[in-house]
């Protein structure tokens, strides 16, 4: 039964790529200037209301989930794009608990852009 096996393989690949998405992706770029940290996160296919952001110390959490409406459509290949993202990112700047600020957050055309004000540069540690 070659067909059944093929289906299983595709399904397994789908599951793997979904896991890959949930842990590895979304792709993230960060740009640090003296004034702020700009974070660009690629999460296509979600709507603004599906995305939840929170900042705790220097850990940014991104959660997004979309509810799939599957009764109308016949899905040939599914799970290639994530319908759930749950990611924590450690930011390369020092943020004290209770002083978390997000300057702005914009989600447009599948790209989320966050600007986080940098309060101060981290100090260099002198090695003796």
PDB file of N, CA and C in Angstrom:
ATOM      1  N   UNK A   1       0.855  -1.200   0.000  1.00  0.00           N
ATOM      2  CA  UNK A   1       0.000   0.000   0.000  1.00  0.00           C
ATOM      3  C   UNK A   1       0.886   1.244   0.000  1.00  0.00           C
ATOM      4  N   UNK A   2       1.348   1.575  -1.195  1.00  0.00           N
ATOM      5  CA  UNK A   2       2.291   2.696  -1.336  1.00  0.00           C
ATOM      6  C   UNK A   2       1.634   4.023  -0.985  1.00  0.00           C
ATOM      7  N   UNK A   3       0.381   4.170  -1.386  1.00  0.00           N
ATOM      8  CA  UNK A   3      -0.328   5.433  -1.205  1.00  0.00           C
ATOM      9  C   UNK A   3      -0.429   5.794   0.273  1.00  0.00           C
ATOM     10  N   UNK A   4      -0.841   4.821   1.073  1.00  0.00           N
ATOM     11  CA  UNK A   4      -1.008   5.041   2.508  1.00  0.00           C
ATOM     12  C   UNK A   4       0.309   5.459   3.143  1.00  0.00           C
ATOM     13  N   UNK A   5       1.375   4.797   2.730  1.00  0.00           N
ATOM     14  CA  UNK A   5       2.702   5.108   3.265  1.00  0.00           C
ATOM     15  C   UNK A   5       3.089   6.536   2.919  1.00  0.00           C
ATOM     16  N   UNK A   6       2.835   6.904   1.673  1.00  0.00           N
ATOM     17  CA  UNK A   6       3.157   8.253   1.210  1.00  0.00           C
ATOM     18  C   UNK A   6       2.435   9.293   2.067  1.00  0.00           C
ATOM     19  N   UNK A   7       1.149   9.021   2.308  1.00  0.00           N
ATOM     20  CA  UNK A   7       0.347   9.924   3.137  1.00  0.00           C
ATOM     21  C   UNK A   7       0.971  10.078   4.516  1.00  0.00           C
ATOM     22  N   UNK A   8       1.381   8.955   5.089  1.00  0.00           N
ATOM     23  CA  UNK A   8       1.994   8.990   6.418  1.00  0.00           C
ATOM     24  C   UNK A   8       3.257   9.842   6.417  1.00  0.00           C
ATOM     25  N   UNK A   9       4.077   9.642   5.381  1.00  0.00           N
ATOM     26  CA  UNK A   9       5.326  10.395   5.280  1.00  0.00           C
ATOM     27  C   UNK A   9       5.040  11.884   5.194  1.00  0.00           C
ATOM     28  N   UNK A  10       4.083  12.249   4.353  1.00  0.00           N
ATOM     29  CA  UNK A  10       3.741  13.663   4.206  1.00  0.00           C
ATOM     30  C   UNK A  10       3.212  14.216   5.517  1.00  0.00           C
ATOM     31  N   UNK A  11       2.378  13.408   6.186  1.00  0.00           N
ATOM     32  CA  UNK A  11       1.815  13.866   7.452  1.00  0.00           C
ATOM     33  C   UNK A  11       2.940  14.073   8.462  1.00  0.00           C
ATOM     34  N   UNK A  12       3.861  13.131   8.495  1.00  0.00           N
ATOM     35  CA  UNK A  12       4.991  13.217   9.422  1.00  0.00           C
ATOM     36  C   UNK A  12       5.829  14.456   9.125  1.00  0.00           C
ATOM     37  N   UNK A  13       6.065  14.716   7.833  1.00  0.00           N
ATOM     38  CA  UNK A  13       6.808  15.919   7.457  1.00  0.00           C
ATOM     39  C   UNK A  13       6.067  17.164   7.908  1.00  0.00           C
ATOM     40  N   UNK A  14       4.739  17.134   7.726  1.00  0.00           N
ATOM     41  CA  UNK A  14       3.914  18.259   8.161  1.00  0.00           C
ATOM     42  C   UNK A  14       4.081  18.501   9.651  1.00  0.00           C
ATOM     43  N   UNK A  15       4.005  17.409  10.425  1.00  0.00           N
ATOM     44  CA  UNK A  15       4.156  17.552  11.876  1.00  0.00           C
ATOM     45  C   UNK A  15       5.531  18.091  12.229  1.00  0.00           C
ATOM     46  N   UNK A  16       6.539  17.552  11.552  1.00  0.00           N
ATOM     47  CA  UNK A  16       7.902  17.999  11.842  1.00  0.00           C
ATOM     48  C   UNK A  16       8.066  19.475  11.492  1.00  0.00           C
ATOM     49  N   UNK A  17       7.542  19.866  10.324  1.00  0.00           N
ATOM     50  CA  UNK A  17       7.745  21.257   9.954  1.00  0.00           C
ATOM     51  C   UNK A  17       6.953  22.163  10.878  1.00  0.00           C
ATOM     52  N   UNK A  18       5.848  21.654  11.406  1.00  0.00           N
ATOM     53  CA  UNK A  18       5.095  22.476  12.349  1.00  0.00           C
ATOM     54  C   UNK A  18       5.879  22.638  13.643  1.00  0.00           C
ATOM     55  N   UNK A  19       6.466  21.543  14.124  1.00  0.00           N
ATOM     56  CA  UNK A  19       7.302  21.638  15.330  1.00  0.00           C
ATOM     57  C   UNK A  19       8.461  22.580  15.082  1.00  0.00           C
ATOM     58  N   UNK A  20       9.044  22.452  13.902  1.00  0.00           N
ATOM     59  CA  UNK A  20      10.169  23.305  13.528  1.00  0.00           C
ATOM     60  C   UNK A  20       9.745  24.770  13.610  1.00  0.00           C
ATOM     61  N   UNK A  21       8.580  25.044  13.061  1.00  0.00           N
ATOM     62  CA  UNK A  21       8.061  26.415  13.095  1.00  0.00           C
ATOM     63  C   UNK A  21       7.886  26.884  14.526  1.00  0.00           C
ATOM     64  N   UNK A  22       7.267  26.023  15.346  1.00  0.00           N
ATOM     65  CA  UNK A  22       6.931  26.466  16.689  1.00  0.00           C
ATOM     66  C   UNK A  22       8.173  26.750  17.506  1.00  0.00           C
ATOM     67  N   UNK A  23       9.273  26.003  17.251  1.00  0.00           N
ATOM     68  CA  UNK A  23      10.453  26.197  18.085  1.00  0.00           C
ATOM     69  C   UNK A  23      11.499  27.098  17.451  1.00  0.00           C
ATOM     70  N   UNK A  24      11.679  26.964  16.160  1.00  0.00           N
ATOM     71  CA  UNK A  24      12.793  27.645  15.507  1.00  0.00           C
ATOM     72  C   UNK A  24      12.358  28.972  14.926  1.00  0.00           C
ATOM     73  N   UNK A  25      11.207  28.935  14.308  1.00  0.00           N
ATOM     74  CA  UNK A  25      10.719  30.141  13.695  1.00  0.00           C
ATOM     75  C   UNK A  25       9.796  30.828  14.674  1.00  0.00           C
ATOM     76  N   UNK A  26       9.340  31.979  14.520  1.00  0.00           N
ATOM     77  CA  UNK A  26       9.483  32.829  13.351  1.00  0.00           C
ATOM     78  C   UNK A  26      10.878  33.451  13.263  1.00  0.00           C
ATOM     79  N   UNK A  27      11.294  33.804  12.030  1.00  0.00           N
ATOM     80  CA  UNK A  27      12.578  34.473  11.859  1.00  0.00           C
ATOM     81  C   UNK A  27      12.541  35.833  12.541  1.00  0.00           C
ATOM     82  N   UNK A  28      13.622  36.173  13.204  1.00  0.00           N
ATOM     83  CA  UNK A  28      13.656  37.423  13.960  1.00  0.00           C
ATOM     84  C   UNK A  28      14.936  38.179  13.645  1.00  0.00           C
ATOM     85  N   UNK A  29      14.780  39.465  13.365  1.00  0.00           N
ATOM     86  CA  UNK A  29      15.948  40.341  13.212  1.00  0.00           C
ATOM     87  C   UNK A  29      15.927  41.343  14.342  1.00  0.00           C
ATOM     88  N   UNK A  30      17.099  41.681  14.850  1.00  0.00           N
ATOM     89  CA  UNK A  30      17.165  42.719  15.875  1.00  0.00           C
ATOM     90  C   UNK A  30      18.190  43.753  15.465  1.00  0.00           C
ATOM     91  N   UNK A  31      17.838  45.021  15.654  1.00  0.00           N
ATOM     92  CA  UNK A  31      18.770  46.103  15.358  1.00  0.00           C
ATOM     93  C   UNK A  31      18.873  46.966  16.606  1.00  0.00           C
ATOM     94  N   UNK A  32      20.090  47.154  17.076  1.00  0.00           N
ATOM     95  CA  UNK A  32      20.283  47.912  18.303  1.00  0.00           C
ATOM     96  C   UNK A  32      20.950  49.249  17.999  1.00  0.00           C
ATOM     97  N   UNK A  33      20.319  50.324  18.458  1.00  0.00           N
ATOM     98  CA  UNK A  33      20.959  51.635  18.356  1.00  0.00           C
ATOM     99  C   UNK A  33      21.143  52.144  19.784  1.00  0.00           C
ATOM    100  N   UNK A  34      21.672  53.354  19.919  1.00  0.00           N
ATOM    101  CA  UNK A  34      21.838  53.902  21.267  1.00  0.00           C
ATOM    102  C   UNK A  34      20.496  54.119  21.935  1.00  0.00           C
ATOM    103  N   UNK A  35      19.488  54.414  21.131  1.00  0.00           N
ATOM    104  CA  UNK A  35      18.205  54.790  21.713  1.00  0.00           C
ATOM    105  C   UNK A  35      17.230  53.634  21.875  1.00  0.00           C
ATOM    106  N   UNK A  36      17.264  52.721  20.922  1.00  0.00           N
ATOM    107  CA  UNK A  36      16.300  51.635  21.060  1.00  0.00           C
ATOM    108  C   UNK A  36      16.723  50.344  20.378  1.00  0.00           C
ATOM    109  N   UNK A  37      15.975  49.309  20.719  1.00  0.00           N
ATOM    110  CA  UNK A  37      16.162  48.006  20.103  1.00  0.00           C
ATOM    111  C   UNK A  37      14.950  47.784  19.218  1.00  0.00           C
ATOM    112  N   UNK A  38      15.221  47.531  17.931  1.00  0.00           N
ATOM    113  CA  UNK A  38      14.121  47.295  17.004  1.00  0.00           C
ATOM    114  C   UNK A  38      14.105  45.800  16.709  1.00  0.00           C
ATOM    115  N   UNK A  39      12.945  45.203  16.886  1.00  0.00           N
ATOM    116  CA  UNK A  39      12.817  43.761  16.669  1.00  0.00           C
ATOM    117  C   UNK A  39      11.827  43.556  15.537  1.00  0.00           C
ATOM    118  N   UNK A  40      12.249  42.807  14.531  1.00  0.00           N
ATOM    119  CA  UNK A  40      11.383  42.555  13.376  1.00  0.00           C
ATOM    120  C   UNK A  40      11.108  41.055  13.334  1.00  0.00           C
ATOM    121  N   UNK A  41       9.834  40.711  13.426  1.00  0.00           N
ATOM    122  CA  UNK A  41       9.457  39.307  13.521  1.00  0.00           C
ATOM    123  C   UNK A  41       8.508  38.975  12.377  1.00  0.00           C
ATOM    124  N   UNK A  42       8.868  37.926  11.676  1.00  0.00           N
ATOM    125  CA  UNK A  42       8.096  37.512  10.524  1.00  0.00           C
ATOM    126  C   UNK A  42       7.034  36.503  10.946  1.00  0.00           C
ATOM    127  N   UNK A  43       5.787  36.914  11.060  1.00  0.00           N
ATOM    128  CA  UNK A  43       4.727  35.942  11.372  1.00  0.00           C
ATOM    129  C   UNK A  43       3.538  36.134  10.445  1.00  0.00           C
ATOM    130  N   UNK A  44       3.673  35.622   9.224  1.00  0.00           N
ATOM    131  CA  UNK A  44       2.603  35.807   8.253  1.00  0.00           C
ATOM    132  C   UNK A  44       1.369  34.992   8.608  1.00  0.00           C
ATOM    133  N   UNK A  45       0.231  35.486   8.178  1.00  0.00           N
ATOM    134  CA  UNK A  45      -0.978  34.679   8.275  1.00  0.00           C
ATOM    135  C   UNK A  45      -1.758  34.835   9.568  1.00  0.00           C
ATOM    136  N   UNK A  46      -1.298  35.708  10.446  1.00  0.00           N
ATOM    137  CA  UNK A  46      -2.062  35.919  11.671  1.00  0.00           C
ATOM    138  C   UNK A  46      -2.777  37.251  11.556  1.00  0.00           C
ATOM    139  N   UNK A  47      -3.761  37.460  12.400  1.00  0.00           N
ATOM    140  CA  UNK A  47      -4.311  38.801  12.419  1.00  0.00           C
ATOM    141  C   UNK A  47      -3.892  39.430  13.738  1.00  0.00           C
ATOM    142  N   UNK A  48      -3.940  40.760  13.758  1.00  0.00           N
ATOM    143  CA  UNK A  48      -3.430  41.515  14.896  1.00  0.00           C
ATOM    144  C   UNK A  48      -3.978  40.985  16.214  1.00  0.00           C
ATOM    145  N   UNK A  49      -5.260  40.639  16.215  1.00  0.00           N
ATOM    146  CA  UNK A  49      -5.877  40.226  17.471  1.00  0.00           C
ATOM    147  C   UNK A  49      -5.427  38.832  17.934  1.00  0.00           C
ATOM    148  N   UNK A  50      -4.774  38.080  17.028  1.00  0.00           N
ATOM    149  CA  UNK A  50      -4.308  36.737  17.401  1.00  0.00           C
ATOM    150  C   UNK A  50      -2.975  36.783  18.148  1.00  0.00           C
ATOM    151  N   UNK A  51      -2.333  37.940  18.139  1.00  0.00           N
ATOM    152  CA  UNK A  51      -0.956  38.015  18.631  1.00  0.00           C
ATOM    153  C   UNK A  51      -0.928  38.627  20.021  1.00  0.00           C
ATOM    154  N   UNK A  52      -0.203  37.975  20.897  1.00  0.00           N
ATOM    155  CA  UNK A  52      -0.108  38.450  22.264  1.00  0.00           C
ATOM    156  C   UNK A  52       1.373  38.616  22.594  1.00  0.00           C
ATOM    157  N   UNK A  53       1.726  39.804  23.067  1.00  0.00           N
ATOM    158  CA  UNK A  53       3.127  40.068  23.392  1.00  0.00           C
ATOM    159  C   UNK A  53       3.241  40.374  24.866  1.00  0.00           C
ATOM    160  N   UNK A  54       4.307  39.908  25.483  1.00  0.00           N
ATOM    161  CA  UNK A  54       4.555  40.390  26.833  1.00  0.00           C
ATOM    162  C   UNK A  54       6.053  40.436  27.069  1.00  0.00           C
ATOM    163  N   UNK A  55       6.429  41.360  27.915  1.00  0.00           N
ATOM    164  CA  UNK A  55       7.843  41.577  28.191  1.00  0.00           C
ATOM    165  C   UNK A  55       8.015  41.438  29.687  1.00  0.00           C
ATOM    166  N   UNK A  56       8.905  40.529  30.078  1.00  0.00           N
ATOM    167  CA  UNK A  56       9.153  40.345  31.501  1.00  0.00           C
ATOM    168  C   UNK A  56      10.661  40.367  31.699  1.00  0.00           C
ATOM    169  N   UNK A  57      11.160  41.460  32.283  1.00  0.00           N
ATOM    170  CA  UNK A  57      12.609  41.622  32.339  1.00  0.00           C
ATOM    171  C   UNK A  57      13.106  41.697  30.915  1.00  0.00           C
ATOM    172  N   UNK A  58      14.150  40.923  30.584  1.00  0.00           N
ATOM    173  CA  UNK A  58      14.653  40.969  29.207  1.00  0.00           C
ATOM    174  C   UNK A  58      14.133  39.813  28.361  1.00  0.00           C
ATOM    175  N   UNK A  59      13.028  39.208  28.794  1.00  0.00           N
ATOM    176  CA  UNK A  59      12.442  38.102  28.033  1.00  0.00           C
ATOM    177  C   UNK A  59      11.168  38.578  27.352  1.00  0.00           C
ATOM    178  N   UNK A  60      11.181  38.517  26.024  1.00  0.00           N
ATOM    179  CA  UNK A  60       9.996  38.869  25.253  1.00  0.00           C
ATOM    180  C   UNK A  60       9.262  37.583  24.897  1.00  0.00           C
ATOM    181  N   UNK A  61       7.971  37.531  25.207  1.00  0.00           N
ATOM    182  CA  UNK A  61       7.168  36.364  24.830  1.00  0.00           C
ATOM    183  C   UNK A  61       6.242  36.736  23.703  1.00  0.00           C
ATOM    184  N   UNK A  62       6.221  35.884  22.694  1.00  0.00           N
ATOM    185  CA  UNK A  62       5.319  36.084  21.573  1.00  0.00           C
ATOM    186  C   UNK A  62       4.409  34.876  21.519  1.00  0.00           C
ATOM    187  N   UNK A  63       3.117  35.129  21.603  1.00  0.00           N
ATOM    188  CA  UNK A  63       2.173  34.026  21.446  1.00  0.00           C
ATOM    189  C   UNK A  63       1.231  34.418  20.334  1.00  0.00           C
ATOM    190  N   UNK A  64       0.959  33.489  19.453  1.00  0.00           N
ATOM    191  CA  UNK A  64      -0.008  33.769  18.415  1.00  0.00           C
ATOM    192  C   UNK A  64      -0.711  32.463  18.096  1.00  0.00           C
ATOM    193  N   UNK A  65      -1.980  32.567  17.889  1.00  0.00           N
ATOM    194  CA  UNK A  65      -2.722  31.366  17.547  1.00  0.00           C
ATOM    195  C   UNK A  65      -3.840  31.753  16.622  1.00  0.00           C
ATOM    196  N   UNK A  66      -3.979  31.029  15.527  1.00  0.00           N
ATOM    197  CA  UNK A  66      -5.136  31.326  14.696  1.00  0.00           C
ATOM    198  C   UNK A  66      -6.052  30.125  14.664  1.00  0.00           C
ATOM    199  N   UNK A  67      -7.298  30.428  14.662  1.00  0.00           N
ATOM    200  CA  UNK A  67      -8.304  29.375  14.655  1.00  0.00           C
ATOM    201  C   UNK A  67      -8.550  29.023  13.194  1.00  0.00           C
ATOM    202  N   UNK A  68      -8.299  27.777  12.872  1.00  0.00           N
ATOM    203  CA  UNK A  68      -8.467  27.350  11.491  1.00  0.00           C
ATOM    204  C   UNK A  68      -9.931  27.001  11.259  1.00  0.00           C
ATOM    205  N   UNK A  69     -10.460  27.492  10.166  1.00  0.00           N
ATOM    206  CA  UNK A  69     -11.830  27.167   9.822  1.00  0.00           C
ATOM    207  C   UNK A  69     -11.773  26.142   8.704  1.00  0.00           C
ATOM    208  N   UNK A  70     -11.921  24.877   9.082  1.00  0.00           N
ATOM    209  CA  UNK A  70     -11.606  23.852   8.087  1.00  0.00           C
ATOM    210  C   UNK A  70     -12.830  23.236   7.441  1.00  0.00           C
ATOM    211  N   UNK A  71     -14.032  23.607   7.898  1.00  0.00           N
ATOM    212  CA  UNK A  71     -15.159  22.888   7.332  1.00  0.00           C
ATOM    213  C   UNK A  71     -15.490  23.314   5.905  1.00  0.00           C
ATOM    214  N   UNK A  72     -15.069  24.536   5.508  1.00  0.00           N
ATOM    215  CA  UNK A  72     -15.404  24.994   4.162  1.00  0.00           C
ATOM    216  C   UNK A  72     -14.462  24.451   3.101  1.00  0.00           C
ATOM    217  N   UNK A  73     -13.225  24.214   3.491  1.00  0.00           N
ATOM    218  CA  UNK A  73     -12.242  23.941   2.442  1.00  0.00           C
ATOM    219  C   UNK A  73     -11.721  22.517   2.536  1.00  0.00           C
ATOM    220  N   UNK A  74     -11.340  21.999   1.382  1.00  0.00           N
ATOM    221  CA  UNK A  74     -10.661  20.713   1.360  1.00  0.00           C
ATOM    222  C   UNK A  74      -9.173  21.016   1.408  1.00  0.00           C
ATOM    223  N   UNK A  75      -8.531  20.538   2.468  1.00  0.00           N
ATOM    224  CA  UNK A  75      -7.122  20.858   2.623  1.00  0.00           C
ATOM    225  C   UNK A  75      -6.286  19.768   1.981  1.00  0.00           C
ATOM    226  N   UNK A  76      -5.407  20.161   1.093  1.00  0.00           N
ATOM    227  CA  UNK A  76      -4.534  19.182   0.459  1.00  0.00           C
ATOM    228  C   UNK A  76      -3.274  19.022   1.290  1.00  0.00           C
ATOM    229  N   UNK A  77      -2.605  20.125   1.537  1.00  0.00           N
ATOM    230  CA  UNK A  77      -1.442  20.084   2.413  1.00  0.00           C
ATOM    231  C   UNK A  77      -1.708  21.081   3.515  1.00  0.00           C
ATOM    232  N   UNK A  78      -1.636  20.602   4.718  1.00  0.00           N
ATOM    233  CA  UNK A  78      -1.923  21.484   5.837  1.00  0.00           C
ATOM    234  C   UNK A  78      -0.703  21.496   6.731  1.00  0.00           C
ATOM    235  N   UNK A  79      -0.711  22.350   7.705  1.00  0.00           N
ATOM    236  CA  UNK A  79       0.350  22.393   8.717  1.00  0.00           C
ATOM    237  C   UNK A  79       1.680  22.885   8.188  1.00  0.00           C
ATOM    238  N   UNK A  80       1.735  23.357   6.960  1.00  0.00           N
ATOM    239  CA  UNK A  80       3.026  23.851   6.487  1.00  0.00           C
ATOM    240  C   UNK A  80       3.290  25.216   7.098  1.00  0.00           C
ATOM    241  N   UNK A  81       2.214  25.966   7.318  1.00  0.00           N
ATOM    242  CA  UNK A  81       2.385  27.258   7.965  1.00  0.00           C
ATOM    243  C   UNK A  81       1.898  27.115   9.386  1.00  0.00           C
ATOM    244  N   UNK A  82       2.569  27.721  10.291  1.00  0.00           N
ATOM    245  CA  UNK A  82       2.190  27.497  11.684  1.00  0.00           C
ATOM    246  C   UNK A  82       0.865  28.165  11.981  1.00  0.00           C
ATOM    247  N   UNK A  83       0.018  27.495  12.792  1.00  0.00           N
ATOM    248  CA  UNK A  83      -1.154  28.216  13.254  1.00  0.00           C
ATOM    249  C   UNK A  83      -1.020  28.487  14.743  1.00  0.00           C
ATOM    250  N   UNK A  84       0.175  28.196  15.247  1.00  0.00           N
ATOM    251  CA  UNK A  84       0.418  28.487  16.652  1.00  0.00           C
ATOM    252  C   UNK A  84       1.892  28.837  16.816  1.00  0.00           C
ATOM    253  N   UNK A  85       2.150  29.930  17.503  1.00  0.00           N
ATOM    254  CA  UNK A  85       3.529  30.304  17.767  1.00  0.00           C
ATOM    255  C   UNK A  85       3.623  30.591  19.247  1.00  0.00           C
ATOM    256  N   UNK A  86       4.641  30.066  19.863  1.00  0.00           N
ATOM    257  CA  UNK A  86       4.841  30.341  21.275  1.00  0.00           C
ATOM    258  C   UNK A  86       6.331  30.422  21.476  1.00  0.00           C
ATOM    259  N   UNK A  87       6.843  31.620  21.575  1.00  0.00           N
ATOM    260  CA  UNK A  87       8.291  31.766  21.579  1.00  0.00           C
ATOM    261  C   UNK A  87       8.718  32.777  22.620  1.00  0.00           C
ATOM    262  N   UNK A  88       9.816  32.453  23.275  1.00  0.00           N
ATOM    263  CA  UNK A  88      10.403  33.399  24.220  1.00  0.00           C
ATOM    264  C   UNK A  88      11.779  33.780  23.705  1.00  0.00           C
ATOM    265  N   UNK A  89      12.054  35.065  23.711  1.00  0.00           N
ATOM    266  CA  UNK A  89      13.339  35.545  23.200  1.00  0.00           C
ATOM    267  C   UNK A  89      14.014  36.350  24.297  1.00  0.00           C
ATOM    268  N   UNK A  90      15.284  36.048  24.530  1.00  0.00           N
ATOM    269  CA  UNK A  90      16.032  36.878  25.471  1.00  0.00           C
ATOM    270  C   UNK A  90      16.605  38.054  24.703  1.00  0.00           C
ATOM    271  N   UNK A  91      16.279  39.255  25.143  1.00  0.00           N
ATOM    272  CA  UNK A  91      16.734  40.443  24.437  1.00  0.00           C
ATOM    273  C   UNK A  91      18.171  40.782  24.840  1.00  0.00           C
ATOM    274  N   UNK A  92      18.919  41.359  23.905  1.00  0.00           N
ATOM    275  CA  UNK A  92      20.342  41.639  24.169  1.00  0.00           C
ATOM    276  C   UNK A  92      20.552  42.932  24.947  1.00  0.00           C
ATOM    277  N   UNK A  93      19.519  43.367  25.665  1.00  0.00           N
ATOM    278  CA  UNK A  93      19.669  44.591  26.451  1.00  0.00           C
ATOM    279  C   UNK A  93      19.230  44.297  27.873  1.00  0.00           C
ATOM    280  N   UNK A  94      19.674  45.142  28.778  1.00  0.00           N
ATOM    281  CA  UNK A  94      19.352  44.927  30.174  1.00  0.00           C
ATOM    282  C   UNK A  94      18.051  45.652  30.483  1.00  0.00           C
ATOM    283  N   UNK A  95      17.052  44.908  30.951  1.00  0.00           N
ATOM    284  CA  UNK A  95      15.793  45.532  31.334  1.00  0.00           C
ATOM    285  C   UNK A  95      15.484  45.073  32.746  1.00  0.00           C
ATOM    286  N   UNK A  96      15.307  46.016  33.627  1.00  0.00           N
ATOM    287  CA  UNK A  96      14.998  45.646  35.014  1.00  0.00           C
ATOM    288  C   UNK A  96      13.534  45.252  35.113  1.00  0.00           C
ATOM    289  N   UNK A  97      13.276  44.265  35.981  1.00  0.00           N
ATOM    290  CA  UNK A  97      11.893  43.879  36.258  1.00  0.00           C
ATOM    291  C   UNK A  97      11.121  45.132  36.657  1.00  0.00           C
ATOM    292  N   UNK A  98       9.947  45.312  36.104  1.00  0.00           N
ATOM    293  CA  UNK A  98       9.140  46.458  36.487  1.00  0.00           C
ATOM    294  C   UNK A  98       9.428  47.697  35.650  1.00  0.00           C
ATOM    295  N   UNK A  99      10.480  47.637  34.809  1.00  0.00           N
ATOM    296  CA  UNK A  99      10.785  48.797  33.966  1.00  0.00           C
ATOM    297  C   UNK A  99      10.637  48.460  32.487  1.00  0.00           C
ATOM    298  N   UNK A 100       9.853  47.422  32.220  1.00  0.00           N
ATOM    299  CA  UNK A 100       9.685  46.995  30.835  1.00  0.00           C
ATOM    300  C   UNK A 100       8.841  48.015  30.081  1.00  0.00           C
ATOM    301  N   UNK A 101       9.355  48.442  28.955  1.00  0.00           N
ATOM    302  CA  UNK A 101       8.578  49.364  28.131  1.00  0.00           C
ATOM    303  C   UNK A 101       8.686  48.909  26.685  1.00  0.00           C
ATOM    304  N   UNK A 102       7.543  48.881  26.005  1.00  0.00           N
ATOM    305  CA  UNK A 102       7.601  48.688  24.563  1.00  0.00           C
ATOM    306  C   UNK A 102       7.223  50.022  23.959  1.00  0.00           C
ATOM    307  N   UNK A 103       8.141  50.606  23.200  1.00  0.00           N
ATOM    308  CA  UNK A 103       7.882  51.914  22.607  1.00  0.00           C
ATOM    309  C   UNK A 103       6.738  51.840  21.619  1.00  0.00           C
ATOM    310  N   UNK A 104       6.813  50.865  20.714  1.00  0.00           N
ATOM    311  CA  UNK A 104       5.714  50.700  19.769  1.00  0.00           C
ATOM    312  C   UNK A 104       5.702  49.282  19.243  1.00  0.00           C
ATOM    313  N   UNK A 105       4.541  48.845  18.811  1.00  0.00           N
ATOM    314  CA  UNK A 105       4.392  47.526  18.212  1.00  0.00           C
ATOM    315  C   UNK A 105       3.451  47.674  17.030  1.00  0.00           C
ATOM    316  N   UNK A 106       3.919  47.274  15.862  1.00  0.00           N
ATOM    317  CA  UNK A 106       3.094  47.388  14.660  1.00  0.00           C
ATOM    318  C   UNK A 106       3.084  46.049  13.950  1.00  0.00           C
ATOM    319  N   UNK A 107       1.921  45.644  13.492  1.00  0.00           N
ATOM    320  CA  UNK A 107       1.838  44.408  12.717  1.00  0.00           C
ATOM    321  C   UNK A 107       1.234  44.745  11.373  1.00  0.00           C
ATOM    322  N   UNK A 108       2.030  44.595  10.345  1.00  0.00           N
ATOM    323  CA  UNK A 108       1.589  44.951   9.003  1.00  0.00           C
ATOM    324  C   UNK A 108       2.116  43.945   8.005  1.00  0.00           C
ATOM    325  N   UNK A 109       1.265  43.488   7.126  1.00  0.00           N
ATOM    326  CA  UNK A 109       1.676  42.548   6.070  1.00  0.00           C
ATOM    327  C   UNK A 109       2.476  41.369   6.612  1.00  0.00           C
ATOM    328  N   UNK A 110       2.041  40.846   7.742  1.00  0.00           N
ATOM    329  CA  UNK A 110       2.686  39.649   8.263  1.00  0.00           C
ATOM    330  C   UNK A 110       3.981  39.903   9.007  1.00  0.00           C
ATOM    331  N   UNK A 111       4.333  41.178   9.182  1.00  0.00           N
ATOM    332  CA  UNK A 111       5.583  41.482   9.875  1.00  0.00           C
ATOM    333  C   UNK A 111       5.275  42.301  11.120  1.00  0.00           C
ATOM    334  N   UNK A 112       5.806  41.823  12.237  1.00  0.00           N
ATOM    335  CA  UNK A 112       5.609  42.523  13.505  1.00  0.00           C
ATOM    336  C   UNK A 112       6.880  43.301  13.813  1.00  0.00           C
ATOM    337  N   UNK A 113       6.725  44.606  14.045  1.00  0.00           N
ATOM    338  CA  UNK A 113       7.888  45.433  14.356  1.00  0.00           C
ATOM    339  C   UNK A 113       7.714  46.021  15.750  1.00  0.00           C
ATOM    340  N   UNK A 114       8.659  45.710  16.619  1.00  0.00           N
ATOM    341  CA  UNK A 114       8.611  46.232  17.986  1.00  0.00           C
ATOM    342  C   UNK A 114       9.775  47.173  18.183  1.00  0.00           C
ATOM    343  N   UNK A 115       9.513  48.256  18.890  1.00  0.00           N
ATOM    344  CA  UNK A 115      10.609  49.136  19.247  1.00  0.00           C
ATOM    345  C   UNK A 115      10.634  49.218  20.762  1.00  0.00           C
ATOM    346  N   UNK A 116      11.772  48.854  21.335  1.00  0.00           N
ATOM    347  CA  UNK A 116      11.916  48.876  22.784  1.00  0.00           C
ATOM    348  C   UNK A 116      12.981  49.893  23.143  1.00  0.00           C
ATOM    349  N   UNK A 117      12.612  50.907  23.930  1.00  0.00           N
ATOM    350  CA  UNK A 117      13.603  51.926  24.295  1.00  0.00           C
ATOM    351  C   UNK A 117      14.723  51.314  25.138  1.00  0.00           C
ATOM    352  N   UNK A 118      15.934  51.737  24.870  1.00  0.00           N
ATOM    353  CA  UNK A 118      17.081  51.253  25.637  1.00  0.00           C
ATOM    354  C   UNK A 118      17.361  52.298  26.710  1.00  0.00           C
ATOM    355  N   UNK A 119      17.295  51.875  27.963  1.00  0.00           N
ATOM    356  CA  UNK A 119      17.516  52.855  29.020  1.00  0.00           C
ATOM    357  C   UNK A 119      18.990  53.187  29.153  1.00  0.00           C
ATOM    358  N   UNK A 120      19.807  52.136  29.226  1.00  0.00           N
ATOM    359  CA  UNK A 120      21.237  52.444  29.280  1.00  0.00           C
ATOM    360  C   UNK A 120      22.004  51.294  28.666  1.00  0.00           C
ATOM    361  N   UNK A 121      23.176  51.577  28.214  1.00  0.00           N
ATOM    362  CA  UNK A 121      24.038  50.533  27.677  1.00  0.00           C
ATOM    363  C   UNK A 121      24.447  49.608  28.811  1.00  0.00           C
ATOM    364  N   UNK A 122      24.635  48.353  28.490  1.00  0.00           N
ATOM    365  CA  UNK A 122      25.141  47.489  29.544  1.00  0.00           C
ATOM    366  C   UNK A 122      26.611  47.833  29.764  1.00  0.00           C
ATOM    367  N   UNK A 123      27.018  47.657  30.997  1.00  0.00           N
ATOM    368  CA  UNK A 123      28.410  48.036  31.300  1.00  0.00           C
ATOM    369  C   UNK A 123      29.352  46.945  30.824  1.00  0.00           C
ATOM    370  N   UNK A 124      30.501  47.356  30.402  1.00  0.00           N
ATOM    371  CA  UNK A 124      31.515  46.358  30.093  1.00  0.00           C
ATOM    372  C   UNK A 124      32.115  45.868  31.399  1.00  0.00           C
ATOM    373  N   UNK A 125      32.397  44.607  31.451  1.00  0.00           N
ATOM    374  CA  UNK A 125      32.961  44.049  32.661  1.00  0.00           C
ATOM    375  C   UNK A 125      34.475  43.984  32.484  1.00  0.00           C
ATOM    376  N   UNK A 126      35.186  44.586  33.378  1.00  0.00           N
ATOM    377  CA  UNK A 126      36.645  44.535  33.219  1.00  0.00           C
ATOM    378  C   UNK A 126      37.150  43.211  33.807  1.00  0.00           C
ATOM    379  N   UNK A 127      38.056  42.613  33.082  1.00  0.00           N
ATOM    380  CA  UNK A 127      38.620  41.330  33.500  1.00  0.00           C
ATOM    381  C   UNK A 127      39.956  41.591  34.153  1.00  0.00           C
ATOM    382  N   UNK A 128      40.128  41.072  35.351  1.00  0.00           N
ATOM    383  CA  UNK A 128      41.397  41.343  36.034  1.00  0.00           C
ATOM    384  C   UNK A 128      42.365  40.195  35.839  1.00  0.00           C
TER     385      UNK A 128
END
